[in-house]
């Protein structure tokens, strides 16, 4: 469940950063790009439904989250082109690198600095992914 929650928190964190006003133009472009390749809350809910197929299952084990925990007041999905499994994996790795690049940035508000370790704590990055 931790990886599922970390991915959901990562999606929500990207949405918060997009609206924060503390991102540079370059960082904002990266946030927008990541929102198109990181699994969104709706993806995760669909992939963990009974009898659903998790396209990431060979590399990332997703579990159903507790209903009380997984309900939030943020956007669950944005309009975006079809995302391949390979692009999801690349997006997850790219998001982790982006989140790590924000650690210690002076311009980042303190509340966002405190969120980064929680997002990365169970981020599914400990695996080695290979793309063909």
N, C-alpha and C. Protein backbone atom coordinates (compact mmCIF):
# COMPACT_ATOMS: atom_id res chain seq x y z
N UNK A 1 0.82 -1.19 0.00
CA UNK A 1 0.00 0.00 0.00
C UNK A 1 0.87 1.26 0.00
N UNK A 2 2.08 1.19 0.54
CA UNK A 2 2.92 2.36 0.64
C UNK A 2 3.29 2.92 -0.72
N UNK A 3 3.58 2.04 -1.69
CA UNK A 3 3.92 2.53 -3.02
C UNK A 3 2.72 3.20 -3.69
N UNK A 4 1.55 2.63 -3.51
CA UNK A 4 0.35 3.23 -4.07
C UNK A 4 0.14 4.62 -3.48
N UNK A 5 0.25 4.70 -2.17
CA UNK A 5 0.06 5.99 -1.49
C UNK A 5 1.14 6.99 -1.91
N UNK A 6 2.38 6.54 -2.03
CA UNK A 6 3.46 7.44 -2.43
C UNK A 6 3.20 8.00 -3.83
N UNK A 7 2.76 7.16 -4.74
CA UNK A 7 2.46 7.63 -6.09
C UNK A 7 1.30 8.64 -6.08
N UNK A 8 0.28 8.36 -5.28
CA UNK A 8 -0.84 9.29 -5.19
C UNK A 8 -0.38 10.61 -4.58
N UNK A 9 0.41 10.53 -3.52
CA UNK A 9 0.92 11.76 -2.89
C UNK A 9 1.80 12.52 -3.87
N UNK A 10 2.58 11.80 -4.66
CA UNK A 10 3.43 12.46 -5.66
C UNK A 10 2.61 13.23 -6.67
N UNK A 11 1.53 12.62 -7.14
CA UNK A 11 0.61 13.29 -8.07
C UNK A 11 0.03 14.55 -7.43
N UNK A 12 -0.45 14.41 -6.20
CA UNK A 12 -1.05 15.55 -5.51
C UNK A 12 -0.01 16.64 -5.23
N UNK A 13 1.22 16.23 -4.92
CA UNK A 13 2.28 17.18 -4.66
C UNK A 13 2.60 17.98 -5.93
N UNK A 14 2.63 17.31 -7.07
CA UNK A 14 2.85 18.02 -8.33
C UNK A 14 1.75 19.05 -8.58
N UNK A 15 0.51 18.69 -8.28
CA UNK A 15 -0.59 19.64 -8.44
C UNK A 15 -0.40 20.85 -7.53
N UNK A 16 0.03 20.59 -6.28
CA UNK A 16 0.27 21.69 -5.34
C UNK A 16 1.40 22.59 -5.82
N UNK A 17 2.48 21.98 -6.30
CA UNK A 17 3.61 22.76 -6.78
C UNK A 17 3.21 23.63 -7.97
N UNK A 18 2.36 23.09 -8.83
CA UNK A 18 1.91 23.84 -10.01
C UNK A 18 1.19 25.12 -9.59
N UNK A 19 0.46 25.07 -8.49
CA UNK A 19 -0.32 26.22 -8.02
C UNK A 19 0.42 27.07 -7.00
N UNK A 20 1.60 26.65 -6.58
CA UNK A 20 2.28 27.27 -5.44
C UNK A 20 2.79 28.69 -5.68
N UNK A 21 3.17 28.98 -6.88
CA UNK A 21 3.75 30.29 -7.15
C UNK A 21 5.21 30.40 -6.79
N UNK A 22 5.82 29.32 -6.30
CA UNK A 22 7.24 29.38 -5.90
C UNK A 22 8.14 28.61 -6.86
N UNK A 23 7.61 28.20 -7.99
CA UNK A 23 8.40 27.47 -8.99
C UNK A 23 8.94 28.44 -10.04
N UNK A 24 10.14 28.17 -10.50
CA UNK A 24 10.67 28.94 -11.63
C UNK A 24 9.92 28.50 -12.88
N UNK A 25 10.07 29.24 -13.96
CA UNK A 25 9.41 28.87 -15.22
C UNK A 25 9.87 27.49 -15.68
N UNK A 26 11.15 27.22 -15.54
CA UNK A 26 11.70 25.91 -15.93
C UNK A 26 11.11 24.79 -15.07
N UNK A 27 11.03 25.01 -13.76
CA UNK A 27 10.47 24.00 -12.86
C UNK A 27 8.99 23.77 -13.16
N UNK A 28 8.30 24.85 -13.48
CA UNK A 28 6.88 24.74 -13.80
C UNK A 28 6.66 23.90 -15.07
N UNK A 29 7.53 24.07 -16.04
CA UNK A 29 7.45 23.24 -17.25
C UNK A 29 7.66 21.77 -16.91
N UNK A 30 8.60 21.50 -16.01
CA UNK A 30 8.85 20.11 -15.60
C UNK A 30 7.64 19.54 -14.84
N UNK A 31 7.04 20.34 -13.97
CA UNK A 31 5.84 19.90 -13.25
C UNK A 31 4.74 19.55 -14.24
N UNK A 32 4.50 20.41 -15.21
CA UNK A 32 3.46 20.15 -16.22
C UNK A 32 3.76 18.87 -17.00
N UNK A 33 5.02 18.69 -17.38
CA UNK A 33 5.40 17.48 -18.11
C UNK A 33 5.18 16.24 -17.25
N UNK A 34 5.54 16.32 -15.98
CA UNK A 34 5.39 15.17 -15.08
C UNK A 34 3.92 14.84 -14.84
N UNK A 35 3.08 15.83 -14.80
CA UNK A 35 1.64 15.56 -14.60
C UNK A 35 1.07 14.74 -15.75
N UNK A 36 1.77 14.71 -16.87
CA UNK A 36 1.31 13.92 -18.02
C UNK A 36 1.86 12.51 -18.05
N UNK A 37 2.84 12.20 -17.18
CA UNK A 37 3.43 10.85 -17.22
C UNK A 37 3.51 10.15 -15.87
N UNK A 38 3.14 10.82 -14.81
CA UNK A 38 3.08 10.18 -13.50
C UNK A 38 1.67 9.65 -13.31
N UNK A 39 1.50 8.42 -12.81
CA UNK A 39 0.14 7.92 -12.61
C UNK A 39 -0.67 8.88 -11.72
N UNK A 40 -1.86 9.21 -12.18
CA UNK A 40 -2.73 10.10 -11.42
C UNK A 40 -3.57 9.28 -10.44
N UNK A 41 -4.27 9.96 -9.58
CA UNK A 41 -5.09 9.28 -8.58
C UNK A 41 -6.12 8.35 -9.22
N UNK A 42 -6.70 8.80 -10.32
CA UNK A 42 -7.69 7.97 -11.00
C UNK A 42 -7.06 6.71 -11.57
N UNK A 43 -5.87 6.84 -12.16
CA UNK A 43 -5.16 5.66 -12.67
C UNK A 43 -4.98 4.63 -11.55
N UNK A 44 -4.48 5.11 -10.41
CA UNK A 44 -4.20 4.21 -9.29
C UNK A 44 -5.46 3.53 -8.79
N UNK A 45 -6.55 4.28 -8.70
CA UNK A 45 -7.81 3.69 -8.25
C UNK A 45 -8.29 2.62 -9.23
N UNK A 46 -8.18 2.91 -10.52
CA UNK A 46 -8.60 1.93 -11.54
C UNK A 46 -7.71 0.70 -11.54
N UNK A 47 -6.40 0.88 -11.38
CA UNK A 47 -5.47 -0.23 -11.42
C UNK A 47 -5.56 -1.11 -10.19
N UNK A 48 -6.11 -0.62 -9.09
CA UNK A 48 -6.22 -1.42 -7.88
C UNK A 48 -7.63 -1.94 -7.66
N UNK A 49 -8.53 -1.69 -8.60
CA UNK A 49 -9.90 -2.22 -8.49
C UNK A 49 -9.86 -3.74 -8.62
N UNK A 50 -10.87 -4.42 -8.04
CA UNK A 50 -10.92 -5.88 -8.17
C UNK A 50 -10.91 -6.29 -9.64
N UNK A 51 -10.12 -7.28 -9.97
CA UNK A 51 -9.99 -7.82 -11.33
C UNK A 51 -9.39 -6.84 -12.33
N UNK A 52 -8.81 -5.76 -11.86
CA UNK A 52 -8.17 -4.80 -12.76
C UNK A 52 -6.78 -5.28 -13.13
N UNK A 53 -6.28 -4.77 -14.23
CA UNK A 53 -4.92 -5.07 -14.65
C UNK A 53 -4.05 -3.86 -14.33
N UNK A 54 -3.03 -4.10 -13.54
CA UNK A 54 -2.08 -3.05 -13.20
C UNK A 54 -0.97 -3.09 -14.24
N UNK A 55 -0.88 -2.08 -15.11
CA UNK A 55 0.15 -2.12 -16.16
C UNK A 55 1.57 -2.05 -15.62
N UNK A 56 1.72 -1.69 -14.37
CA UNK A 56 3.05 -1.57 -13.77
C UNK A 56 3.42 -2.79 -12.95
N UNK A 57 2.56 -3.81 -12.93
CA UNK A 57 2.68 -4.90 -11.98
C UNK A 57 3.99 -5.67 -12.03
N UNK A 58 4.67 -5.69 -13.15
CA UNK A 58 5.94 -6.41 -13.19
C UNK A 58 6.99 -5.73 -12.32
N UNK A 59 6.83 -4.43 -12.07
CA UNK A 59 7.85 -3.67 -11.35
C UNK A 59 7.36 -3.02 -10.07
N UNK A 60 6.08 -2.69 -10.02
CA UNK A 60 5.53 -1.98 -8.87
C UNK A 60 4.27 -2.67 -8.40
N UNK A 61 4.28 -3.07 -7.15
CA UNK A 61 3.11 -3.71 -6.58
C UNK A 61 2.20 -2.63 -5.99
N UNK A 62 0.98 -2.57 -6.48
CA UNK A 62 0.02 -1.60 -6.00
C UNK A 62 -1.05 -2.30 -5.19
N UNK A 63 -1.47 -1.66 -4.12
CA UNK A 63 -2.52 -2.21 -3.27
C UNK A 63 -3.64 -1.18 -3.14
N UNK A 64 -4.82 -1.68 -2.84
CA UNK A 64 -5.95 -0.79 -2.61
C UNK A 64 -5.70 -0.01 -1.33
N UNK A 65 -5.95 1.28 -1.40
CA UNK A 65 -5.80 2.12 -0.21
C UNK A 65 -7.11 2.14 0.57
N UNK A 66 -6.99 2.40 1.84
CA UNK A 66 -8.16 2.59 2.69
C UNK A 66 -8.98 3.74 2.13
N UNK A 67 -10.28 3.55 1.97
CA UNK A 67 -11.17 4.59 1.43
C UNK A 67 -11.00 5.91 2.16
N UNK A 68 -10.85 5.87 3.47
CA UNK A 68 -10.74 7.11 4.26
C UNK A 68 -9.47 7.87 3.91
N UNK A 69 -8.42 7.13 3.60
CA UNK A 69 -7.14 7.75 3.29
C UNK A 69 -7.11 8.25 1.85
N UNK A 70 -7.68 7.50 0.94
CA UNK A 70 -7.52 7.80 -0.47
C UNK A 70 -8.47 8.89 -0.97
N UNK A 71 -9.41 9.32 -0.19
CA UNK A 71 -10.30 10.40 -0.60
C UNK A 71 -9.62 11.73 -0.32
N UNK A 72 -9.54 12.57 -1.32
CA UNK A 72 -8.95 13.89 -1.12
C UNK A 72 -9.70 14.90 -1.98
N UNK A 73 -9.43 16.15 -1.74
CA UNK A 73 -10.13 17.21 -2.46
C UNK A 73 -9.28 17.78 -3.59
N UNK A 74 -8.42 16.99 -4.17
CA UNK A 74 -7.60 17.47 -5.27
C UNK A 74 -8.04 16.80 -6.56
N UNK A 75 -7.59 17.37 -7.65
CA UNK A 75 -7.90 16.84 -8.97
C UNK A 75 -7.36 15.42 -9.07
N UNK A 76 -8.17 14.51 -9.55
CA UNK A 76 -7.73 13.11 -9.67
C UNK A 76 -7.19 12.78 -11.05
N UNK A 77 -7.40 13.67 -12.00
CA UNK A 77 -7.05 13.36 -13.38
C UNK A 77 -6.99 14.65 -14.17
N UNK A 78 -6.13 14.71 -15.17
CA UNK A 78 -6.12 15.83 -16.10
C UNK A 78 -6.17 15.27 -17.52
N UNK A 79 -6.66 16.05 -18.43
CA UNK A 79 -6.68 15.65 -19.84
C UNK A 79 -5.24 15.48 -20.32
N UNK A 80 -4.96 14.31 -20.87
CA UNK A 80 -3.62 14.05 -21.36
C UNK A 80 -3.67 12.96 -22.40
N UNK A 81 -2.65 12.89 -23.24
CA UNK A 81 -2.63 11.82 -24.25
C UNK A 81 -2.46 10.46 -23.58
N UNK A 82 -2.69 9.41 -24.35
CA UNK A 82 -2.49 8.04 -23.86
C UNK A 82 -1.05 7.89 -23.37
N UNK A 83 -0.89 7.27 -22.21
CA UNK A 83 0.44 7.07 -21.62
C UNK A 83 0.77 5.59 -21.66
N UNK A 84 1.92 5.26 -22.22
CA UNK A 84 2.33 3.86 -22.28
C UNK A 84 2.92 3.44 -20.93
N UNK A 85 3.01 2.14 -20.73
CA UNK A 85 3.61 1.62 -19.50
C UNK A 85 5.05 2.11 -19.38
N UNK A 86 5.78 2.10 -20.47
CA UNK A 86 7.17 2.58 -20.46
C UNK A 86 7.23 4.05 -20.05
N UNK A 87 6.29 4.86 -20.55
CA UNK A 87 6.28 6.28 -20.19
C UNK A 87 5.93 6.48 -18.72
N UNK A 88 5.05 5.64 -18.18
CA UNK A 88 4.76 5.72 -16.74
C UNK A 88 6.03 5.45 -15.94
N UNK A 89 6.76 4.40 -16.30
CA UNK A 89 8.00 4.08 -15.58
C UNK A 89 8.99 5.23 -15.67
N UNK A 90 9.18 5.74 -16.86
CA UNK A 90 10.11 6.86 -17.03
C UNK A 90 9.64 8.07 -16.23
N UNK A 91 8.34 8.31 -16.22
CA UNK A 91 7.79 9.43 -15.47
C UNK A 91 8.01 9.29 -13.98
N UNK A 92 7.88 8.08 -13.47
CA UNK A 92 8.09 7.83 -12.04
C UNK A 92 9.54 8.09 -11.65
N UNK A 93 10.47 7.65 -12.49
CA UNK A 93 11.89 7.89 -12.22
C UNK A 93 12.18 9.39 -12.33
N UNK A 94 11.67 10.00 -13.38
CA UNK A 94 11.89 11.44 -13.60
C UNK A 94 11.31 12.27 -12.46
N UNK A 95 10.14 11.88 -11.96
CA UNK A 95 9.52 12.61 -10.84
C UNK A 95 10.38 12.51 -9.59
N UNK A 96 10.92 11.33 -9.32
CA UNK A 96 11.78 11.16 -8.14
C UNK A 96 13.00 12.08 -8.23
N UNK A 97 13.60 12.13 -9.40
CA UNK A 97 14.77 13.01 -9.58
C UNK A 97 14.37 14.48 -9.41
N UNK A 98 13.21 14.83 -9.91
CA UNK A 98 12.72 16.21 -9.75
C UNK A 98 12.48 16.53 -8.29
N UNK A 99 11.79 15.64 -7.58
CA UNK A 99 11.52 15.88 -6.16
C UNK A 99 12.83 16.03 -5.39
N UNK A 100 13.80 15.16 -5.68
CA UNK A 100 15.10 15.25 -5.00
C UNK A 100 15.81 16.55 -5.33
N UNK A 101 15.62 17.07 -6.55
CA UNK A 101 16.27 18.33 -6.93
C UNK A 101 15.71 19.52 -6.16
N UNK A 102 14.52 19.37 -5.59
CA UNK A 102 13.90 20.46 -4.84
C UNK A 102 14.39 20.55 -3.39
N UNK A 103 14.99 19.47 -2.90
CA UNK A 103 15.44 19.45 -1.51
C UNK A 103 16.49 20.54 -1.29
N UNK A 104 16.25 21.35 -0.30
CA UNK A 104 17.20 22.40 0.05
C UNK A 104 17.09 23.69 -0.76
N UNK A 105 16.17 23.77 -1.70
CA UNK A 105 16.03 25.02 -2.46
C UNK A 105 15.50 26.13 -1.57
N UNK A 106 16.18 27.24 -1.57
CA UNK A 106 15.80 28.37 -0.71
C UNK A 106 14.41 28.91 -1.07
N UNK A 107 14.11 28.99 -2.35
CA UNK A 107 12.86 29.62 -2.77
C UNK A 107 11.62 28.77 -2.48
N UNK A 108 11.83 27.51 -2.18
CA UNK A 108 10.71 26.63 -1.93
C UNK A 108 10.13 26.89 -0.54
N UNK A 109 8.83 27.06 -0.47
CA UNK A 109 8.19 27.31 0.82
C UNK A 109 8.42 26.14 1.76
N UNK A 110 8.49 26.43 3.03
CA UNK A 110 8.80 25.42 4.05
C UNK A 110 7.82 24.25 4.02
N UNK A 111 6.53 24.51 3.80
CA UNK A 111 5.54 23.42 3.80
C UNK A 111 5.82 22.42 2.68
N UNK A 112 6.35 22.90 1.54
CA UNK A 112 6.68 21.98 0.45
C UNK A 112 7.96 21.22 0.76
N UNK A 113 8.92 21.89 1.39
CA UNK A 113 10.16 21.21 1.79
C UNK A 113 9.85 20.05 2.73
N UNK A 114 8.89 20.25 3.63
CA UNK A 114 8.53 19.19 4.59
C UNK A 114 7.82 18.03 3.91
N UNK A 115 7.15 18.28 2.79
CA UNK A 115 6.40 17.22 2.11
C UNK A 115 7.29 16.27 1.31
N UNK A 116 8.41 16.77 0.82
CA UNK A 116 9.25 15.95 -0.07
C UNK A 116 9.66 14.62 0.55
N UNK A 117 10.17 14.58 1.79
CA UNK A 117 10.54 13.27 2.35
C UNK A 117 9.36 12.30 2.45
N UNK A 118 8.17 12.81 2.70
CA UNK A 118 7.00 11.93 2.80
C UNK A 118 6.63 11.37 1.43
N UNK A 119 6.77 12.18 0.40
CA UNK A 119 6.48 11.70 -0.95
C UNK A 119 7.51 10.64 -1.34
N UNK A 120 8.77 10.90 -1.05
CA UNK A 120 9.83 9.98 -1.48
C UNK A 120 10.02 8.77 -0.59
N UNK A 121 9.45 8.79 0.60
CA UNK A 121 9.70 7.72 1.57
C UNK A 121 9.45 6.33 1.00
N UNK A 122 8.35 6.15 0.30
CA UNK A 122 8.03 4.84 -0.28
C UNK A 122 7.95 4.90 -1.80
N UNK A 123 8.53 5.95 -2.37
CA UNK A 123 8.50 6.09 -3.83
C UNK A 123 9.16 4.87 -4.44
N UNK A 124 8.55 4.27 -5.44
CA UNK A 124 9.08 3.01 -6.01
C UNK A 124 10.31 3.24 -6.87
N UNK A 125 11.40 3.63 -6.23
CA UNK A 125 12.62 3.91 -6.97
C UNK A 125 13.74 2.93 -6.68
N UNK A 126 13.53 2.06 -5.73
CA UNK A 126 14.60 1.14 -5.35
C UNK A 126 14.82 0.05 -6.38
N UNK A 127 13.95 -0.02 -7.37
CA UNK A 127 14.05 -1.07 -8.39
C UNK A 127 14.85 -0.56 -9.59
N UNK A 128 15.46 -1.45 -10.27
CA UNK A 128 16.15 -1.10 -11.52
C UNK A 128 15.21 -1.41 -12.66
N UNK A 129 14.85 -0.37 -13.40
CA UNK A 129 13.94 -0.56 -14.52
C UNK A 129 14.72 -0.54 -15.82
N UNK A 130 14.33 -1.43 -16.68
CA UNK A 130 14.96 -1.46 -18.00
C UNK A 130 13.88 -1.26 -19.03
N UNK A 131 14.17 -0.44 -20.01
CA UNK A 131 13.21 -0.21 -21.09
C UNK A 131 13.82 -0.72 -22.38
N UNK A 132 12.96 -1.33 -23.16
CA UNK A 132 13.47 -1.82 -24.45
C UNK A 132 13.29 -0.79 -25.52
